[in-house]
């Protein structure tokens, strides 16, 4: 029997980033992309079958760490990661220390690095 593919949720306010992420990983994983952190929280409220959640850092409404802090309250068993096109902030460092996020990735990210991370963390359930 084939193992179930990990389910990944990716939140980013930039449509091109969502499209590229889905193009890179859909098929290999079950990928859901959402363009708003508020919509992401609504999705998490109604879907508890997510293994891994990636969030962009800079978004309107909530930044990535703010989104993840709220998401963890709704769904603490998922593994959370930040993708950022900017330098690591104090807020990201604190989230790492508090173990709210497992790791962060600089954009443009290395596809193989993300695959290795997804494989590692999706087997830790």
PDB file of N, CA and C in Angstrom:
ATOM      1  N   UNK A   1       0.839  -1.191   0.000  1.00  0.00           N
ATOM      2  CA  UNK A   1       0.000   0.000   0.000  1.00  0.00           C
ATOM      3  C   UNK A   1       0.880   1.249   0.000  1.00  0.00           C
ATOM      4  N   UNK A   2       0.531   2.200  -0.816  1.00  0.00           N
ATOM      5  CA  UNK A   2       1.312   3.436  -0.915  1.00  0.00           C
ATOM      6  C   UNK A   2       1.054   4.307   0.313  1.00  0.00           C
ATOM      7  N   UNK A   3       2.114   4.870   0.837  1.00  0.00           N
ATOM      8  CA  UNK A   3       1.971   5.771   1.983  1.00  0.00           C
ATOM      9  C   UNK A   3       1.223   7.028   1.549  1.00  0.00           C
ATOM     10  N   UNK A   4       0.465   7.585   2.466  1.00  0.00           N
ATOM     11  CA  UNK A   4      -0.247   8.824   2.174  1.00  0.00           C
ATOM     12  C   UNK A   4       0.746   9.956   1.974  1.00  0.00           C
ATOM     13  N   UNK A   5       0.440  10.807   1.023  1.00  0.00           N
ATOM     14  CA  UNK A   5       1.291  11.976   0.783  1.00  0.00           C
ATOM     15  C   UNK A   5       1.065  12.984   1.901  1.00  0.00           C
ATOM     16  N   UNK A   6       2.134  13.630   2.368  1.00  0.00           N
ATOM     17  CA  UNK A   6       1.958  14.701   3.350  1.00  0.00           C
ATOM     18  C   UNK A   6       1.088  15.827   2.767  1.00  0.00           C
ATOM     19  N   UNK A   7       0.277  16.419   3.629  1.00  0.00           N
ATOM     20  CA  UNK A   7      -0.557  17.556   3.243  1.00  0.00           C
ATOM     21  C   UNK A   7       0.112  18.842   3.685  1.00  0.00           C
ATOM     22  N   UNK A   8       0.214  19.771   2.744  1.00  0.00           N
ATOM     23  CA  UNK A   8       0.919  21.029   2.998  1.00  0.00           C
ATOM     24  C   UNK A   8      -0.014  22.192   2.708  1.00  0.00           C
ATOM     25  N   UNK A   9      -0.003  23.157   3.606  1.00  0.00           N
ATOM     26  CA  UNK A   9      -0.716  24.412   3.405  1.00  0.00           C
ATOM     27  C   UNK A   9       0.327  25.512   3.278  1.00  0.00           C
ATOM     28  N   UNK A  10       0.189  26.339   2.246  1.00  0.00           N
ATOM     29  CA  UNK A  10       1.114  27.453   2.043  1.00  0.00           C
ATOM     30  C   UNK A  10       0.318  28.746   1.961  1.00  0.00           C
ATOM     31  N   UNK A  11       0.642  29.687   2.836  1.00  0.00           N
ATOM     32  CA  UNK A  11      -0.007  30.992   2.898  1.00  0.00           C
ATOM     33  C   UNK A  11       0.973  32.047   2.392  1.00  0.00           C
ATOM     34  N   UNK A  12       0.545  32.813   1.384  1.00  0.00           N
ATOM     35  CA  UNK A  12       1.373  33.899   0.853  1.00  0.00           C
ATOM     36  C   UNK A  12       0.443  34.856   0.113  1.00  0.00           C
ATOM     37  N   UNK A  13       0.652  36.145   0.280  1.00  0.00           N
ATOM     38  CA  UNK A  13      -0.217  37.127  -0.373  1.00  0.00           C
ATOM     39  C   UNK A  13       0.175  37.394  -1.824  1.00  0.00           C
ATOM     40  N   UNK A  14       1.265  36.799  -2.294  1.00  0.00           N
ATOM     41  CA  UNK A  14       1.726  36.998  -3.674  1.00  0.00           C
ATOM     42  C   UNK A  14       1.294  35.810  -4.536  1.00  0.00           C
ATOM     43  N   UNK A  15       0.363  36.035  -5.470  1.00  0.00           N
ATOM     44  CA  UNK A  15      -0.129  34.923  -6.311  1.00  0.00           C
ATOM     45  C   UNK A  15       0.974  34.166  -7.044  1.00  0.00           C
ATOM     46  N   UNK A  16       2.014  34.843  -7.506  1.00  0.00           N
ATOM     47  CA  UNK A  16       3.098  34.165  -8.229  1.00  0.00           C
ATOM     48  C   UNK A  16       3.821  33.176  -7.318  1.00  0.00           C
ATOM     49  N   UNK A  17       4.005  33.535  -6.050  1.00  0.00           N
ATOM     50  CA  UNK A  17       4.654  32.613  -5.110  1.00  0.00           C
ATOM     51  C   UNK A  17       3.796  31.373  -4.878  1.00  0.00           C
ATOM     52  N   UNK A  18       2.487  31.569  -4.759  1.00  0.00           N
ATOM     53  CA  UNK A  18       1.579  30.433  -4.571  1.00  0.00           C
ATOM     54  C   UNK A  18       1.614  29.515  -5.792  1.00  0.00           C
ATOM     55  N   UNK A  19       1.590  30.109  -6.972  1.00  0.00           N
ATOM     56  CA  UNK A  19       1.614  29.337  -8.209  1.00  0.00           C
ATOM     57  C   UNK A  19       2.915  28.531  -8.329  1.00  0.00           C
ATOM     58  N   UNK A  20       4.047  29.173  -8.047  1.00  0.00           N
ATOM     59  CA  UNK A  20       5.337  28.479  -8.140  1.00  0.00           C
ATOM     60  C   UNK A  20       5.441  27.349  -7.119  1.00  0.00           C
ATOM     61  N   UNK A  21       4.995  27.605  -5.889  1.00  0.00           N
ATOM     62  CA  UNK A  21       5.047  26.585  -4.847  1.00  0.00           C
ATOM     63  C   UNK A  21       4.213  25.373  -5.263  1.00  0.00           C
ATOM     64  N   UNK A  22       3.003  25.646  -5.722  1.00  0.00           N
ATOM     65  CA  UNK A  22       2.118  24.552  -6.140  1.00  0.00           C
ATOM     66  C   UNK A  22       2.719  23.785  -7.315  1.00  0.00           C
ATOM     67  N   UNK A  23       3.291  24.499  -8.273  1.00  0.00           N
ATOM     68  CA  UNK A  23       3.907  23.847  -9.434  1.00  0.00           C
ATOM     69  C   UNK A  23       5.077  22.954  -9.019  1.00  0.00           C
ATOM     70  N   UNK A  24       5.831  23.392  -8.018  1.00  0.00           N
ATOM     71  CA  UNK A  24       6.996  22.619  -7.565  1.00  0.00           C
ATOM     72  C   UNK A  24       6.622  21.382  -6.768  1.00  0.00           C
ATOM     73  N   UNK A  25       5.556  21.474  -5.958  1.00  0.00           N
ATOM     74  CA  UNK A  25       5.310  20.421  -4.967  1.00  0.00           C
ATOM     75  C   UNK A  25       4.018  19.642  -5.137  1.00  0.00           C
ATOM     76  N   UNK A  26       3.043  20.158  -5.901  1.00  0.00           N
ATOM     77  CA  UNK A  26       1.790  19.429  -6.071  1.00  0.00           C
ATOM     78  C   UNK A  26       2.069  18.165  -6.876  1.00  0.00           C
ATOM     79  N   UNK A  27       1.479  17.082  -6.473  1.00  0.00           N
ATOM     80  CA  UNK A  27       1.766  15.789  -7.095  1.00  0.00           C
ATOM     81  C   UNK A  27       2.639  14.978  -6.165  1.00  0.00           C
ATOM     82  N   UNK A  28       3.724  15.591  -5.750  1.00  0.00           N
ATOM     83  CA  UNK A  28       4.584  14.931  -4.766  1.00  0.00           C
ATOM     84  C   UNK A  28       3.915  14.960  -3.383  1.00  0.00           C
ATOM     85  N   UNK A  29       3.232  16.075  -3.113  1.00  0.00           N
ATOM     86  CA  UNK A  29       2.504  16.262  -1.852  1.00  0.00           C
ATOM     87  C   UNK A  29       1.102  16.767  -2.173  1.00  0.00           C
ATOM     88  N   UNK A  30       0.218  16.709  -1.196  1.00  0.00           N
ATOM     89  CA  UNK A  30      -1.094  17.341  -1.322  1.00  0.00           C
ATOM     90  C   UNK A  30      -0.922  18.785  -0.892  1.00  0.00           C
ATOM     91  N   UNK A  31      -1.005  19.707  -1.834  1.00  0.00           N
ATOM     92  CA  UNK A  31      -0.705  21.116  -1.574  1.00  0.00           C
ATOM     93  C   UNK A  31      -1.973  21.955  -1.675  1.00  0.00           C
ATOM     94  N   UNK A  32      -2.211  22.753  -0.660  1.00  0.00           N
ATOM     95  CA  UNK A  32      -3.282  23.751  -0.660  1.00  0.00           C
ATOM     96  C   UNK A  32      -2.618  25.108  -0.484  1.00  0.00           C
ATOM     97  N   UNK A  33      -2.956  26.058  -1.350  1.00  0.00           N
ATOM     98  CA  UNK A  33      -2.396  27.396  -1.229  1.00  0.00           C
ATOM     99  C   UNK A  33      -3.525  28.381  -0.956  1.00  0.00           C
ATOM    100  N   UNK A  34      -3.227  29.373  -0.124  1.00  0.00           N
ATOM    101  CA  UNK A  34      -4.201  30.401   0.251  1.00  0.00           C
ATOM    102  C   UNK A  34      -3.475  31.736   0.279  1.00  0.00           C
ATOM    103  N   UNK A  35      -4.141  32.784  -0.212  1.00  0.00           N
ATOM    104  CA  UNK A  35      -3.489  34.087  -0.371  1.00  0.00           C
ATOM    105  C   UNK A  35      -3.719  35.077   0.761  1.00  0.00           C
ATOM    106  N   UNK A  36      -4.233  34.615   1.891  1.00  0.00           N
ATOM    107  CA  UNK A  36      -4.507  35.514   3.013  1.00  0.00           C
ATOM    108  C   UNK A  36      -4.360  34.767   4.331  1.00  0.00           C
ATOM    109  N   UNK A  37      -3.669  35.363   5.314  1.00  0.00           N
ATOM    110  CA  UNK A  37      -3.539  34.691   6.606  1.00  0.00           C
ATOM    111  C   UNK A  37      -4.891  34.492   7.300  1.00  0.00           C
ATOM    112  N   UNK A  38      -5.809  35.424   7.130  1.00  0.00           N
ATOM    113  CA  UNK A  38      -7.137  35.281   7.745  1.00  0.00           C
ATOM    114  C   UNK A  38      -7.879  34.101   7.112  1.00  0.00           C
ATOM    115  N   UNK A  39      -7.811  33.992   5.779  1.00  0.00           N
ATOM    116  CA  UNK A  39      -8.413  32.840   5.095  1.00  0.00           C
ATOM    117  C   UNK A  39      -7.718  31.543   5.526  1.00  0.00           C
ATOM    118  N   UNK A  40      -6.399  31.618   5.727  1.00  0.00           N
ATOM    119  CA  UNK A  40      -5.655  30.449   6.195  1.00  0.00           C
ATOM    120  C   UNK A  40      -6.155  29.954   7.540  1.00  0.00           C
ATOM    121  N   UNK A  41      -6.408  30.878   8.452  1.00  0.00           N
ATOM    122  CA  UNK A  41      -6.939  30.493   9.768  1.00  0.00           C
ATOM    123  C   UNK A  41      -8.322  29.858   9.625  1.00  0.00           C
ATOM    124  N   UNK A  42      -9.153  30.412   8.750  1.00  0.00           N
ATOM    125  CA  UNK A  42     -10.475  29.820   8.509  1.00  0.00           C
ATOM    126  C   UNK A  42     -10.341  28.410   7.954  1.00  0.00           C
ATOM    127  N   UNK A  43      -9.391  28.213   7.048  1.00  0.00           N
ATOM    128  CA  UNK A  43      -9.164  26.889   6.474  1.00  0.00           C
ATOM    129  C   UNK A  43      -8.731  25.901   7.565  1.00  0.00           C
ATOM    130  N   UNK A  44      -7.808  26.328   8.414  1.00  0.00           N
ATOM    131  CA  UNK A  44      -7.311  25.447   9.486  1.00  0.00           C
ATOM    132  C   UNK A  44      -8.429  25.071  10.454  1.00  0.00           C
ATOM    133  N   UNK A  45      -9.314  26.013  10.736  1.00  0.00           N
ATOM    134  CA  UNK A  45     -10.447  25.718  11.631  1.00  0.00           C
ATOM    135  C   UNK A  45     -11.256  24.522  11.137  1.00  0.00           C
ATOM    136  N   UNK A  46     -11.351  24.383   9.827  1.00  0.00           N
ATOM    137  CA  UNK A  46     -12.209  23.361   9.231  1.00  0.00           C
ATOM    138  C   UNK A  46     -11.459  22.164   8.654  1.00  0.00           C
ATOM    139  N   UNK A  47     -10.136  22.175   8.730  1.00  0.00           N
ATOM    140  CA  UNK A  47      -9.328  21.095   8.151  1.00  0.00           C
ATOM    141  C   UNK A  47      -8.192  20.742   9.097  1.00  0.00           C
ATOM    142  N   UNK A  48      -8.296  19.585   9.689  1.00  0.00           N
ATOM    143  CA  UNK A  48      -7.261  19.157  10.635  1.00  0.00           C
ATOM    144  C   UNK A  48      -6.387  18.049  10.052  1.00  0.00           C
ATOM    145  N   UNK A  49      -6.352  17.951   8.733  1.00  0.00           N
ATOM    146  CA  UNK A  49      -5.550  16.899   8.087  1.00  0.00           C
ATOM    147  C   UNK A  49      -4.298  17.479   7.442  1.00  0.00           C
ATOM    148  N   UNK A  50      -3.785  18.567   8.000  1.00  0.00           N
ATOM    149  CA  UNK A  50      -2.602  19.227   7.450  1.00  0.00           C
ATOM    150  C   UNK A  50      -1.383  18.768   8.247  1.00  0.00           C
ATOM    151  N   UNK A  51      -0.336  18.392   7.540  1.00  0.00           N
ATOM    152  CA  UNK A  51       0.892  17.979   8.222  1.00  0.00           C
ATOM    153  C   UNK A  51       1.819  19.169   8.465  1.00  0.00           C
ATOM    154  N   UNK A  52       1.965  19.993   7.419  1.00  0.00           N
ATOM    155  CA  UNK A  52       2.978  21.048   7.435  1.00  0.00           C
ATOM    156  C   UNK A  52       2.368  22.336   6.901  1.00  0.00           C
ATOM    157  N   UNK A  53       2.680  23.445   7.578  1.00  0.00           N
ATOM    158  CA  UNK A  53       2.177  24.747   7.157  1.00  0.00           C
ATOM    159  C   UNK A  53       3.356  25.689   6.952  1.00  0.00           C
ATOM    160  N   UNK A  54       3.442  26.224   5.735  1.00  0.00           N
ATOM    161  CA  UNK A  54       4.441  27.239   5.399  1.00  0.00           C
ATOM    162  C   UNK A  54       3.724  28.578   5.310  1.00  0.00           C
ATOM    163  N   UNK A  55       4.363  29.612   5.827  1.00  0.00           N
ATOM    164  CA  UNK A  55       3.793  30.948   5.721  1.00  0.00           C
ATOM    165  C   UNK A  55       4.856  31.939   5.287  1.00  0.00           C
ATOM    166  N   UNK A  56       4.452  32.832   4.393  1.00  0.00           N
ATOM    167  CA  UNK A  56       5.277  33.980   4.070  1.00  0.00           C
ATOM    168  C   UNK A  56       5.366  34.829   5.336  1.00  0.00           C
ATOM    169  N   UNK A  57       6.399  35.632   5.444  1.00  0.00           N
ATOM    170  CA  UNK A  57       6.539  36.486   6.620  1.00  0.00           C
ATOM    171  C   UNK A  57       5.792  37.799   6.459  1.00  0.00           C
ATOM    172  N   UNK A  58       6.034  38.497   5.353  1.00  0.00           N
ATOM    173  CA  UNK A  58       5.437  39.829   5.183  1.00  0.00           C
ATOM    174  C   UNK A  58       4.145  39.751   4.389  1.00  0.00           C
ATOM    175  N   UNK A  59       3.039  39.940   5.108  1.00  0.00           N
ATOM    176  CA  UNK A  59       1.724  39.932   4.476  1.00  0.00           C
ATOM    177  C   UNK A  59       0.861  40.993   5.152  1.00  0.00           C
ATOM    178  N   UNK A  60      -0.167  41.476   4.439  1.00  0.00           N
ATOM    179  CA  UNK A  60      -1.119  42.370   5.102  1.00  0.00           C
ATOM    180  C   UNK A  60      -1.951  41.564   6.107  1.00  0.00           C
ATOM    181  N   UNK A  61      -2.647  42.190   6.957  1.00  0.00           N
ATOM    182  CA  UNK A  61      -3.502  41.599   7.991  1.00  0.00           C
ATOM    183  C   UNK A  61      -2.669  41.046   9.143  1.00  0.00           C
ATOM    184  N   UNK A  62      -1.925  39.999   8.888  1.00  0.00           N
ATOM    185  CA  UNK A  62      -1.053  39.378   9.897  1.00  0.00           C
ATOM    186  C   UNK A  62       0.266  39.042   9.218  1.00  0.00           C
ATOM    187  N   UNK A  63       1.393  39.216   9.933  1.00  0.00           N
ATOM    188  CA  UNK A  63       2.636  38.717   9.351  1.00  0.00           C
ATOM    189  C   UNK A  63       2.709  37.208   9.607  1.00  0.00           C
ATOM    190  N   UNK A  64       3.728  36.564   9.076  1.00  0.00           N
ATOM    191  CA  UNK A  64       3.812  35.114   9.187  1.00  0.00           C
ATOM    192  C   UNK A  64       3.852  34.593  10.605  1.00  0.00           C
ATOM    193  N   UNK A  65       4.612  35.241  11.475  1.00  0.00           N
ATOM    194  CA  UNK A  65       4.700  34.783  12.866  1.00  0.00           C
ATOM    195  C   UNK A  65       3.364  35.007  13.572  1.00  0.00           C
ATOM    196  N   UNK A  66       2.733  36.137  13.329  1.00  0.00           N
ATOM    197  CA  UNK A  66       1.416  36.385  13.935  1.00  0.00           C
ATOM    198  C   UNK A  66       0.406  35.337  13.473  1.00  0.00           C
ATOM    199  N   UNK A  67       0.423  35.043  12.179  1.00  0.00           N
ATOM    200  CA  UNK A  67      -0.461  34.007  11.646  1.00  0.00           C
ATOM    201  C   UNK A  67      -0.198  32.666  12.331  1.00  0.00           C
ATOM    202  N   UNK A  68       1.077  32.291  12.430  1.00  0.00           N
ATOM    203  CA  UNK A  68       1.411  30.989  13.014  1.00  0.00           C
ATOM    204  C   UNK A  68       1.040  30.940  14.496  1.00  0.00           C
ATOM    205  N   UNK A  69       1.248  32.023  15.226  1.00  0.00           N
ATOM    206  CA  UNK A  69       0.832  32.035  16.645  1.00  0.00           C
ATOM    207  C   UNK A  69      -0.660  31.737  16.780  1.00  0.00           C
ATOM    208  N   UNK A  70      -1.470  32.292  15.884  1.00  0.00           N
ATOM    209  CA  UNK A  70      -2.913  32.026  15.909  1.00  0.00           C
ATOM    210  C   UNK A  70      -3.215  30.605  15.429  1.00  0.00           C
ATOM    211  N   UNK A  71      -2.530  30.165  14.399  1.00  0.00           N
ATOM    212  CA  UNK A  71      -2.762  28.829  13.840  1.00  0.00           C
ATOM    213  C   UNK A  71      -2.430  27.729  14.848  1.00  0.00           C
ATOM    214  N   UNK A  72      -1.356  27.921  15.618  1.00  0.00           N
ATOM    215  CA  UNK A  72      -0.946  26.927  16.616  1.00  0.00           C
ATOM    216  C   UNK A  72      -2.052  26.733  17.666  1.00  0.00           C
ATOM    217  N   UNK A  73      -2.752  27.800  18.005  1.00  0.00           N
ATOM    218  CA  UNK A  73      -3.862  27.693  18.966  1.00  0.00           C
ATOM    219  C   UNK A  73      -4.972  26.805  18.410  1.00  0.00           C
ATOM    220  N   UNK A  74      -5.193  26.889  17.104  1.00  0.00           N
ATOM    221  CA  UNK A  74      -6.241  26.090  16.459  1.00  0.00           C
ATOM    222  C   UNK A  74      -5.785  24.665  16.167  1.00  0.00           C
ATOM    223  N   UNK A  75      -4.491  24.524  15.862  1.00  0.00           N
ATOM    224  CA  UNK A  75      -3.998  23.243  15.362  1.00  0.00           C
ATOM    225  C   UNK A  75      -2.537  23.050  15.771  1.00  0.00           C
ATOM    226  N   UNK A  76      -2.320  22.697  17.040  1.00  0.00           N
ATOM    227  CA  UNK A  76      -0.940  22.590  17.538  1.00  0.00           C
ATOM    228  C   UNK A  76      -0.131  21.422  16.983  1.00  0.00           C
ATOM    229  N   UNK A  77      -0.764  20.426  16.396  1.00  0.00           N
ATOM    230  CA  UNK A  77      -0.002  19.250  15.951  1.00  0.00           C
ATOM    231  C   UNK A  77       0.680  19.428  14.592  1.00  0.00           C
ATOM    232  N   UNK A  78       0.339  20.467  13.840  1.00  0.00           N
ATOM    233  CA  UNK A  78       1.025  20.707  12.560  1.00  0.00           C
ATOM    234  C   UNK A  78       2.429  21.242  12.827  1.00  0.00           C
ATOM    235  N   UNK A  79       3.280  21.108  11.834  1.00  0.00           N
ATOM    236  CA  UNK A  79       4.631  21.685  11.888  1.00  0.00           C
ATOM    237  C   UNK A  79       4.616  22.962  11.066  1.00  0.00           C
ATOM    238  N   UNK A  80       5.203  24.028  11.616  1.00  0.00           N
ATOM    239  CA  UNK A  80       5.117  25.356  11.011  1.00  0.00           C
ATOM    240  C   UNK A  80       6.483  25.884  10.583  1.00  0.00           C
ATOM    241  N   UNK A  81       6.490  26.569   9.425  1.00  0.00           N
ATOM    242  CA  UNK A  81       7.715  27.110   8.852  1.00  0.00           C
ATOM    243  C   UNK A  81       7.439  28.485   8.252  1.00  0.00           C
ATOM    244  N   UNK A  82       8.453  29.326   8.261  1.00  0.00           N
ATOM    245  CA  UNK A  82       8.371  30.660   7.658  1.00  0.00           C
ATOM    246  C   UNK A  82       9.216  30.683   6.378  1.00  0.00           C
ATOM    247  N   UNK A  83       8.671  31.316   5.343  1.00  0.00           N
ATOM    248  CA  UNK A  83       9.436  31.635   4.139  1.00  0.00           C
ATOM    249  C   UNK A  83       9.548  33.152   4.100  1.00  0.00           C
ATOM    250  N   UNK A  84      10.747  33.659   3.923  1.00  0.00           N
ATOM    251  CA  UNK A  84      10.911  35.107   3.895  1.00  0.00           C
ATOM    252  C   UNK A  84      11.878  35.526   2.806  1.00  0.00           C
ATOM    253  N   UNK A  85      11.555  36.620   2.174  1.00  0.00           N
ATOM    254  CA  UNK A  85      12.447  37.192   1.178  1.00  0.00           C
ATOM    255  C   UNK A  85      13.353  38.248   1.781  1.00  0.00           C
ATOM    256  N   UNK A  86      13.245  38.421   3.085  1.00  0.00           N
ATOM    257  CA  UNK A  86      13.990  39.464   3.783  1.00  0.00           C
ATOM    258  C   UNK A  86      14.891  38.839   4.836  1.00  0.00           C
ATOM    259  N   UNK A  87      15.660  39.671   5.506  1.00  0.00           N
ATOM    260  CA  UNK A  87      16.517  39.175   6.581  1.00  0.00           C
ATOM    261  C   UNK A  87      15.666  38.626   7.722  1.00  0.00           C
ATOM    262  N   UNK A  88      16.268  37.763   8.489  1.00  0.00           N
ATOM    263  CA  UNK A  88      15.587  37.196   9.646  1.00  0.00           C
ATOM    264  C   UNK A  88      15.385  38.295  10.679  1.00  0.00           C
ATOM    265  N   UNK A  89      14.171  38.384  11.178  1.00  0.00           N
ATOM    266  CA  UNK A  89      13.837  39.411  12.162  1.00  0.00           C
ATOM    267  C   UNK A  89      13.942  38.857  13.574  1.00  0.00           C
ATOM    268  N   UNK A  90      13.934  39.759  14.530  1.00  0.00           N
ATOM    269  CA  UNK A  90      13.897  39.369  15.945  1.00  0.00           C
ATOM    270  C   UNK A  90      12.658  38.516  16.217  1.00  0.00           C
ATOM    271  N   UNK A  91      11.560  38.877  15.567  1.00  0.00           N
ATOM    272  CA  UNK A  91      10.313  38.125  15.744  1.00  0.00           C
ATOM    273  C   UNK A  91      10.456  36.675  15.269  1.00  0.00           C
ATOM    274  N   UNK A  92      11.133  36.459  14.141  1.00  0.00           N
ATOM    275  CA  UNK A  92      11.374  35.095  13.661  1.00  0.00           C
ATOM    276  C   UNK A  92      12.300  34.359  14.626  1.00  0.00           C
ATOM    277  N   UNK A  93      13.356  35.018  15.081  1.00  0.00           N
ATOM    278  CA  UNK A  93      14.272  34.388  16.038  1.00  0.00           C
ATOM    279  C   UNK A  93      13.541  33.970  17.312  1.00  0.00           C
ATOM    280  N   UNK A  94      12.663  34.829  17.826  1.00  0.00           N
ATOM    281  CA  UNK A  94      11.901  34.491  19.036  1.00  0.00           C
ATOM    282  C   UNK A  94      10.978  33.297  18.784  1.00  0.00           C
ATOM    283  N   UNK A  95      10.328  33.260  17.621  1.00  0.00           N
ATOM    284  CA  UNK A  95       9.435  32.147  17.287  1.00  0.00           C
ATOM    285  C   UNK A  95      10.209  30.830  17.198  1.00  0.00           C
ATOM    286  N   UNK A  96      11.436  30.886  16.696  1.00  0.00           N
ATOM    287  CA  UNK A  96      12.293  29.690  16.671  1.00  0.00           C
ATOM    288  C   UNK A  96      12.637  29.240  18.086  1.00  0.00           C
ATOM    289  N   UNK A  97      13.038  30.201  18.932  1.00  0.00           N
ATOM    290  CA  UNK A  97      13.403  29.879  20.315  1.00  0.00           C
ATOM    291  C   UNK A  97      12.213  29.300  21.087  1.00  0.00           C
ATOM    292  N   UNK A  98      11.023  29.836  20.823  1.00  0.00           N
ATOM    293  CA  UNK A  98       9.809  29.363  21.499  1.00  0.00           C
ATOM    294  C   UNK A  98       9.274  28.074  20.880  1.00  0.00           C
ATOM    295  N   UNK A  99       9.909  27.625  19.804  1.00  0.00           N
ATOM    296  CA  UNK A  99       9.517  26.413  19.079  1.00  0.00           C
ATOM    297  C   UNK A  99       8.121  26.525  18.471  1.00  0.00           C
ATOM    298  N   UNK A 100       7.711  27.756  18.132  1.00  0.00           N
ATOM    299  CA  UNK A 100       6.461  27.970  17.418  1.00  0.00           C
ATOM    300  C   UNK A 100       6.672  27.617  15.947  1.00  0.00           C
ATOM    301  N   UNK A 101       7.856  27.945  15.421  1.00  0.00           N
ATOM    302  CA  UNK A 101       8.230  27.495  14.084  1.00  0.00           C
ATOM    303  C   UNK A 101       9.431  26.566  14.214  1.00  0.00           C
ATOM    304  N   UNK A 102       9.505  25.632  13.295  1.00  0.00           N
ATOM    305  CA  UNK A 102      10.605  24.660  13.307  1.00  0.00           C
ATOM    306  C   UNK A 102      11.849  25.241  12.651  1.00  0.00           C
ATOM    307  N   UNK A 103      11.627  26.052  11.602  1.00  0.00           N
ATOM    308  CA  UNK A 103      12.727  26.510  10.773  1.00  0.00           C
ATOM    309  C   UNK A 103      12.208  27.627   9.882  1.00  0.00           C
ATOM    310  N   UNK A 104      13.122  28.425   9.344  1.00  0.00           N
ATOM    311  CA  UNK A 104      12.724  29.410   8.339  1.00  0.00           C
ATOM    312  C   UNK A 104      13.561  29.185   7.092  1.00  0.00           C
ATOM    313  N   UNK A 105      13.034  29.662   5.977  1.00  0.00           N
ATOM    314  CA  UNK A 105      13.714  29.544   4.688  1.00  0.00           C
ATOM    315  C   UNK A 105      13.758  30.912   4.037  1.00  0.00           C
ATOM    316  N   UNK A 106      14.917  31.244   3.451  1.00  0.00           N
ATOM    317  CA  UNK A 106      15.060  32.485   2.689  1.00  0.00           C
ATOM    318  C   UNK A 106      14.534  32.244   1.287  1.00  0.00           C
ATOM    319  N   UNK A 107      13.807  33.215   0.745  1.00  0.00           N
ATOM    320  CA  UNK A 107      13.409  33.172  -0.667  1.00  0.00           C
ATOM    321  C   UNK A 107      14.521  33.819  -1.481  1.00  0.00           C
ATOM    322  N   UNK A 108      14.834  33.344  -2.656  1.00  0.00           N
ATOM    323  CA  UNK A 108      14.275  32.120  -3.217  1.00  0.00           C
ATOM    324  C   UNK A 108      14.831  30.907  -2.472  1.00  0.00           C
ATOM    325  N   UNK A 109      13.950  29.996  -2.142  1.00  0.00           N
ATOM    326  CA  UNK A 109      14.359  28.825  -1.356  1.00  0.00           C
ATOM    327  C   UNK A 109      14.914  27.739  -2.265  1.00  0.00           C
ATOM    328  N   UNK A 110      15.644  26.839  -1.664  1.00  0.00           N
ATOM    329  CA  UNK A 110      16.202  25.680  -2.348  1.00  0.00           C
ATOM    330  C   UNK A 110      15.152  24.563  -2.291  1.00  0.00           C
ATOM    331  N   UNK A 111      14.656  24.148  -3.442  1.00  0.00           N
ATOM    332  CA  UNK A 111      13.594  23.141  -3.502  1.00  0.00           C
ATOM    333  C   UNK A 111      13.971  21.870  -2.746  1.00  0.00           C
ATOM    334  N   UNK A 112      15.210  21.398  -2.931  1.00  0.00           N
ATOM    335  CA  UNK A 112      15.632  20.163  -2.263  1.00  0.00           C
ATOM    336  C   UNK A 112      15.669  20.322  -0.746  1.00  0.00           C
ATOM    337  N   UNK A 113      16.023  21.510  -0.273  1.00  0.00           N
ATOM    338  CA  UNK A 113      16.025  21.788   1.165  1.00  0.00           C
ATOM    339  C   UNK A 113      14.599  21.682   1.715  1.00  0.00           C
ATOM    340  N   UNK A 114      13.631  22.234   0.992  1.00  0.00           N
ATOM    341  CA  UNK A 114      12.237  22.129   1.427  1.00  0.00           C
ATOM    342  C   UNK A 114      11.762  20.682   1.398  1.00  0.00           C
ATOM    343  N   UNK A 115      12.113  19.936   0.345  1.00  0.00           N
ATOM    344  CA  UNK A 115      11.716  18.527   0.267  1.00  0.00           C
ATOM    345  C   UNK A 115      12.304  17.744   1.437  1.00  0.00           C
ATOM    346  N   UNK A 116      13.580  17.952   1.720  1.00  0.00           N
ATOM    347  CA  UNK A 116      14.208  17.261   2.861  1.00  0.00           C
ATOM    348  C   UNK A 116      13.472  17.583   4.156  1.00  0.00           C
ATOM    349  N   UNK A 117      13.118  18.848   4.335  1.00  0.00           N
ATOM    350  CA  UNK A 117      12.423  19.273   5.554  1.00  0.00           C
ATOM    351  C   UNK A 117      11.025  18.667   5.612  1.00  0.00           C
ATOM    352  N   UNK A 118      10.307  18.706   4.514  1.00  0.00           N
ATOM    353  CA  UNK A 118       8.962  18.126   4.484  1.00  0.00           C
ATOM    354  C   UNK A 118       9.026  16.637   4.820  1.00  0.00           C
ATOM    355  N   UNK A 119       9.979  15.937   4.210  1.00  0.00           N
ATOM    356  CA  UNK A 119      10.119  14.500   4.483  1.00  0.00           C
ATOM    357  C   UNK A 119      10.441  14.242   5.955  1.00  0.00           C
ATOM    358  N   UNK A 120      11.338  15.041   6.506  1.00  0.00           N
ATOM    359  CA  UNK A 120      11.729  14.874   7.907  1.00  0.00           C
ATOM    360  C   UNK A 120      10.549  15.108   8.850  1.00  0.00           C
ATOM    361  N   UNK A 121       9.862  16.224   8.667  1.00  0.00           N
ATOM    362  CA  UNK A 121       8.820  16.600   9.622  1.00  0.00           C
ATOM    363  C   UNK A 121       7.493  15.894   9.390  1.00  0.00           C
ATOM    364  N   UNK A 122       7.244  15.400   8.186  1.00  0.00           N
ATOM    365  CA  UNK A 122       5.981  14.703   7.959  1.00  0.00           C
ATOM    366  C   UNK A 122       6.040  13.287   8.511  1.00  0.00           C
ATOM    367  N   UNK A 123       7.212  12.799   8.825  1.00  0.00           N
ATOM    368  CA  UNK A 123       7.325  11.460   9.425  1.00  0.00           C
ATOM    369  C   UNK A 123       7.386  11.522  10.949  1.00  0.00           C
ATOM    370  N   UNK A 124       7.334  12.726  11.504  1.00  0.00           N
ATOM    371  CA  UNK A 124       7.424  12.869  12.966  1.00  0.00           C
ATOM    372  C   UNK A 124       6.069  12.917  13.652  1.00  0.00           C
ATOM    373  N   UNK A 125       5.029  12.485  12.988  1.00  0.00           N
ATOM    374  CA  UNK A 125       3.688  12.575  13.568  1.00  0.00           C
ATOM    375  C   UNK A 125       3.506  11.609  14.706  1.00  0.00           C
TER     376      UNK A 125
END
